[in-house]
Structure formats: C-alpha cells, structure tokens
Amino acid sequence: MVTLSRRELDDEVRIAFEKELRALGAQLHIIKCDITDQKTVEAAAAECSATLPPVRGVVHGGMVLRVSGRQLHVSSYYEGDGR
C-alpha cells in the first residue's frame, strides 16, 4: 500500500500505521509528494515503478481539513466555502 502525503509523519505515528497494516497483511510505503507539483508526482511514480509491483487500484482521499469554531453545514462544501 502506498500513500502520498505533502508532509512527513512523526516516526511514532508512522511506525504505528506500518505495524497495524502489517498485522493485516499489507506493507505500507509512505512517499512525500505534493500532487500539485508535477515533479514530485513524477518522482513518486518513478519510485513506485522501480521498487513496487504494478498498481492494482487507486483510492483518492485528498482533502484539506480546516477546524474552526463555527458550525459547519454540508451546503458550505457545495458552495465551495468549506472553511
């Protein structure tokens, strides 16, 4: 399993994720990559192509989560104001 992230996880968090997934039979590869930067995407793809088996599926769950004190309504997201 490969995850792409703009930031690096703390070692403690990364190790916990790896251990949990290993117990389920998966091996986790965390690659630092900003999908808005073509060069980092190409580098991540090259790393995966060189070191891992072919891709068998993709799950995209990218988001930016902003926490604020105001109440959030689903309509805010449809209007593009999901602050």
N, C-alpha and C. Protein backbone atom coordinates (compact mmCIF):
# COMPACT_ATOMS: atom_id res chain seq x y z
N MET A 1 0.84 -1.15 0.00
CA MET A 1 0.00 0.00 0.00
C MET A 1 0.90 1.23 0.00
N VAL A 2 0.59 2.16 -0.90
CA VAL A 2 1.35 3.40 -0.99
C VAL A 2 0.45 4.57 -0.62
N THR A 3 0.94 5.44 0.21
CA THR A 3 0.23 6.68 0.50
C THR A 3 1.14 7.83 0.11
N LEU A 4 0.54 8.87 -0.44
CA LEU A 4 1.27 10.08 -0.79
C LEU A 4 0.84 11.17 0.18
N SER A 5 1.79 11.93 0.67
CA SER A 5 1.48 12.99 1.62
C SER A 5 2.44 14.15 1.42
N ARG A 6 1.93 15.35 1.60
CA ARG A 6 2.79 16.54 1.49
C ARG A 6 3.73 16.66 2.67
N ARG A 7 3.38 16.05 3.78
CA ARG A 7 4.23 16.17 4.97
C ARG A 7 4.68 14.79 5.43
N GLU A 8 5.73 14.79 6.22
CA GLU A 8 6.24 13.54 6.77
C GLU A 8 5.58 13.30 8.13
N LEU A 9 5.27 12.04 8.41
CA LEU A 9 4.69 11.68 9.70
C LEU A 9 5.78 11.56 10.75
N ASP A 10 5.41 11.83 11.98
CA ASP A 10 6.33 11.55 13.09
C ASP A 10 6.65 10.07 13.06
N ASP A 11 7.86 9.71 13.44
CA ASP A 11 8.27 8.31 13.44
C ASP A 11 7.30 7.43 14.24
N GLU A 12 6.87 7.91 15.39
CA GLU A 12 5.97 7.13 16.25
C GLU A 12 4.65 6.82 15.54
N VAL A 13 4.08 7.81 14.86
CA VAL A 13 2.83 7.63 14.13
C VAL A 13 3.04 6.71 12.93
N ARG A 14 4.10 6.95 12.19
CA ARG A 14 4.41 6.13 11.01
C ARG A 14 4.58 4.66 11.39
N ILE A 15 5.35 4.42 12.44
CA ILE A 15 5.60 3.04 12.88
C ILE A 15 4.30 2.36 13.31
N ALA A 16 3.44 3.10 13.98
CA ALA A 16 2.14 2.54 14.41
C ALA A 16 1.29 2.16 13.20
N PHE A 17 1.24 3.03 12.18
CA PHE A 17 0.49 2.71 10.96
C PHE A 17 1.07 1.48 10.27
N GLU A 18 2.38 1.45 10.15
CA GLU A 18 3.04 0.32 9.49
C GLU A 18 2.74 -0.99 10.23
N LYS A 19 2.81 -0.95 11.55
CA LYS A 19 2.57 -2.15 12.35
C LYS A 19 1.12 -2.62 12.19
N GLU A 20 0.19 -1.70 12.22
CA GLU A 20 -1.23 -2.05 12.09
C GLU A 20 -1.52 -2.69 10.73
N LEU A 21 -0.97 -2.10 9.68
CA LEU A 21 -1.20 -2.65 8.35
C LEU A 21 -0.47 -3.96 8.13
N ARG A 22 0.72 -4.10 8.70
CA ARG A 22 1.46 -5.36 8.60
C ARG A 22 0.65 -6.49 9.23
N ALA A 23 -0.04 -6.21 10.34
CA ALA A 23 -0.87 -7.22 11.00
C ALA A 23 -2.03 -7.66 10.11
N LEU A 24 -2.41 -6.80 9.16
CA LEU A 24 -3.49 -7.13 8.22
C LEU A 24 -2.95 -7.71 6.92
N GLY A 25 -1.62 -7.87 6.84
CA GLY A 25 -1.02 -8.48 5.65
C GLY A 25 -0.57 -7.49 4.60
N ALA A 26 -0.50 -6.22 4.92
CA ALA A 26 -0.08 -5.20 3.95
C ALA A 26 1.24 -4.58 4.37
N GLN A 27 1.94 -4.05 3.40
CA GLN A 27 3.17 -3.31 3.68
C GLN A 27 2.93 -1.87 3.25
N LEU A 28 3.17 -0.93 4.15
CA LEU A 28 2.90 0.48 3.90
C LEU A 28 4.15 1.19 3.41
N HIS A 29 3.99 1.95 2.34
CA HIS A 29 5.05 2.81 1.81
C HIS A 29 4.51 4.23 1.80
N ILE A 30 5.12 5.10 2.58
CA ILE A 30 4.68 6.49 2.64
C ILE A 30 5.68 7.31 1.83
N ILE A 31 5.18 7.99 0.80
CA ILE A 31 6.04 8.77 -0.07
C ILE A 31 5.64 10.23 0.03
N LYS A 32 6.61 11.08 0.30
CA LYS A 32 6.34 12.50 0.37
C LYS A 32 6.11 13.02 -1.05
N CYS A 33 4.94 13.63 -1.28
CA CYS A 33 4.57 14.05 -2.62
C CYS A 33 3.46 15.10 -2.53
N ASP A 34 3.62 16.19 -3.22
CA ASP A 34 2.58 17.21 -3.33
C ASP A 34 1.96 17.05 -4.71
N ILE A 35 0.71 16.61 -4.79
CA ILE A 35 0.11 16.31 -6.09
C ILE A 35 -0.11 17.55 -6.95
N THR A 36 0.10 18.74 -6.39
CA THR A 36 0.03 19.96 -7.21
C THR A 36 1.37 20.30 -7.84
N ASP A 37 2.39 19.51 -7.53
CA ASP A 37 3.74 19.73 -8.05
C ASP A 37 4.10 18.55 -8.97
N GLN A 38 4.11 18.78 -10.26
CA GLN A 38 4.31 17.72 -11.24
C GLN A 38 5.62 16.96 -11.00
N LYS A 39 6.67 17.66 -10.60
CA LYS A 39 7.96 17.00 -10.40
C LYS A 39 7.90 15.98 -9.25
N THR A 40 7.21 16.31 -8.16
CA THR A 40 7.12 15.35 -7.05
C THR A 40 6.23 14.17 -7.41
N VAL A 41 5.20 14.41 -8.23
CA VAL A 41 4.34 13.31 -8.69
C VAL A 41 5.14 12.37 -9.59
N GLU A 42 5.91 12.94 -10.51
CA GLU A 42 6.74 12.11 -11.39
C GLU A 42 7.77 11.33 -10.59
N ALA A 43 8.36 11.95 -9.58
CA ALA A 43 9.35 11.26 -8.75
C ALA A 43 8.69 10.12 -7.97
N ALA A 44 7.50 10.35 -7.44
CA ALA A 44 6.79 9.30 -6.71
C ALA A 44 6.43 8.14 -7.64
N ALA A 45 5.96 8.46 -8.83
CA ALA A 45 5.62 7.42 -9.81
C ALA A 45 6.87 6.61 -10.19
N ALA A 46 7.98 7.29 -10.39
CA ALA A 46 9.22 6.61 -10.75
C ALA A 46 9.68 5.70 -9.61
N GLU A 47 9.58 6.18 -8.38
CA GLU A 47 9.97 5.35 -7.22
C GLU A 47 9.09 4.10 -7.13
N CYS A 48 7.79 4.28 -7.32
CA CYS A 48 6.87 3.13 -7.26
C CYS A 48 7.16 2.15 -8.39
N SER A 49 7.38 2.66 -9.60
CA SER A 49 7.66 1.80 -10.75
C SER A 49 8.93 0.99 -10.56
N ALA A 50 9.91 1.60 -9.93
CA ALA A 50 11.21 0.95 -9.77
C ALA A 50 11.25 -0.05 -8.62
N THR A 51 10.41 0.14 -7.61
CA THR A 51 10.56 -0.66 -6.40
C THR A 51 9.35 -1.50 -6.00
N LEU A 52 8.21 -1.31 -6.68
CA LEU A 52 6.98 -1.99 -6.26
C LEU A 52 6.32 -2.72 -7.42
N PRO A 53 5.43 -3.67 -7.10
CA PRO A 53 4.68 -4.34 -8.16
C PRO A 53 3.73 -3.34 -8.85
N PRO A 54 3.13 -3.75 -9.99
CA PRO A 54 2.21 -2.85 -10.70
C PRO A 54 1.02 -2.42 -9.82
N VAL A 55 0.51 -1.24 -10.09
CA VAL A 55 -0.66 -0.70 -9.37
C VAL A 55 -1.87 -1.56 -9.69
N ARG A 56 -2.62 -1.94 -8.65
CA ARG A 56 -3.82 -2.75 -8.85
C ARG A 56 -5.08 -2.00 -8.45
N GLY A 57 -4.95 -0.78 -7.99
CA GLY A 57 -6.11 0.02 -7.62
C GLY A 57 -5.66 1.35 -7.06
N VAL A 58 -6.57 2.31 -7.09
CA VAL A 58 -6.28 3.65 -6.58
C VAL A 58 -7.47 4.12 -5.76
N VAL A 59 -7.19 4.64 -4.58
CA VAL A 59 -8.20 5.27 -3.75
C VAL A 59 -7.71 6.68 -3.50
N HIS A 60 -8.52 7.66 -3.86
CA HIS A 60 -8.13 9.05 -3.66
C HIS A 60 -8.96 9.64 -2.53
N GLY A 61 -8.30 10.15 -1.54
CA GLY A 61 -9.00 10.74 -0.40
C GLY A 61 -8.38 12.06 0.01
N GLY A 62 -7.85 12.80 -0.95
CA GLY A 62 -7.18 14.05 -0.63
C GLY A 62 -8.14 15.10 -0.13
N MET A 63 -7.71 15.83 0.88
CA MET A 63 -8.52 16.93 1.39
C MET A 63 -7.65 17.82 2.26
N VAL A 64 -8.15 18.99 2.48
CA VAL A 64 -7.56 19.89 3.46
C VAL A 64 -8.62 20.09 4.51
N LEU A 65 -8.32 19.73 5.74
CA LEU A 65 -9.27 19.84 6.83
C LEU A 65 -8.96 21.09 7.62
N ARG A 66 -9.94 21.95 7.70
CA ARG A 66 -9.80 23.18 8.50
C ARG A 66 -10.78 23.11 9.65
N VAL A 67 -10.28 23.31 10.84
CA VAL A 67 -11.13 23.27 12.02
C VAL A 67 -11.34 24.69 12.50
N SER A 68 -12.60 25.03 12.74
CA SER A 68 -12.90 26.37 13.24
C SER A 68 -13.99 26.26 14.28
N GLY A 69 -14.28 27.35 14.92
CA GLY A 69 -15.29 27.37 15.97
C GLY A 69 -16.71 27.46 15.45
N ARG A 70 -16.87 27.80 14.18
CA ARG A 70 -18.23 27.95 13.66
C ARG A 70 -18.82 26.61 13.25
N GLN A 71 -20.14 26.56 13.23
CA GLN A 71 -20.81 25.33 12.83
C GLN A 71 -20.67 25.15 11.33
N LEU A 72 -20.44 23.94 10.91
CA LEU A 72 -20.22 23.64 9.51
C LEU A 72 -21.44 22.94 8.94
N HIS A 73 -21.88 23.39 7.79
CA HIS A 73 -23.02 22.78 7.11
C HIS A 73 -22.56 22.19 5.78
N VAL A 74 -23.16 21.08 5.39
CA VAL A 74 -22.81 20.43 4.13
C VAL A 74 -22.96 21.41 2.97
N SER A 75 -23.95 22.28 3.01
CA SER A 75 -24.16 23.24 1.91
C SER A 75 -22.93 24.12 1.69
N SER A 76 -22.15 24.35 2.73
CA SER A 76 -20.93 25.16 2.58
C SER A 76 -19.97 24.51 1.60
N TYR A 77 -19.89 23.18 1.61
CA TYR A 77 -18.99 22.49 0.69
C TYR A 77 -19.49 22.57 -0.74
N TYR A 78 -20.80 22.46 -0.92
CA TYR A 78 -21.34 22.55 -2.29
C TYR A 78 -21.14 23.95 -2.86
N GLU A 79 -21.09 24.93 -1.99
CA GLU A 79 -20.88 26.31 -2.42
C GLU A 79 -19.41 26.68 -2.46
N GLY A 80 -18.54 25.74 -2.11
CA GLY A 80 -17.11 25.99 -2.14
C GLY A 80 -16.60 26.79 -0.97
N ASP A 81 -17.37 26.82 0.13
CA ASP A 81 -16.98 27.60 1.30
C ASP A 81 -16.83 26.69 2.51
N GLY A 82 -16.11 25.60 2.36
CA GLY A 82 -15.96 24.63 3.44
C GLY A 82 -14.87 24.98 4.41
N ARG A 83 -14.78 26.24 4.80
CA ARG A 83 -13.72 26.67 5.73
C ARG A 83 -13.91 26.12 7.09
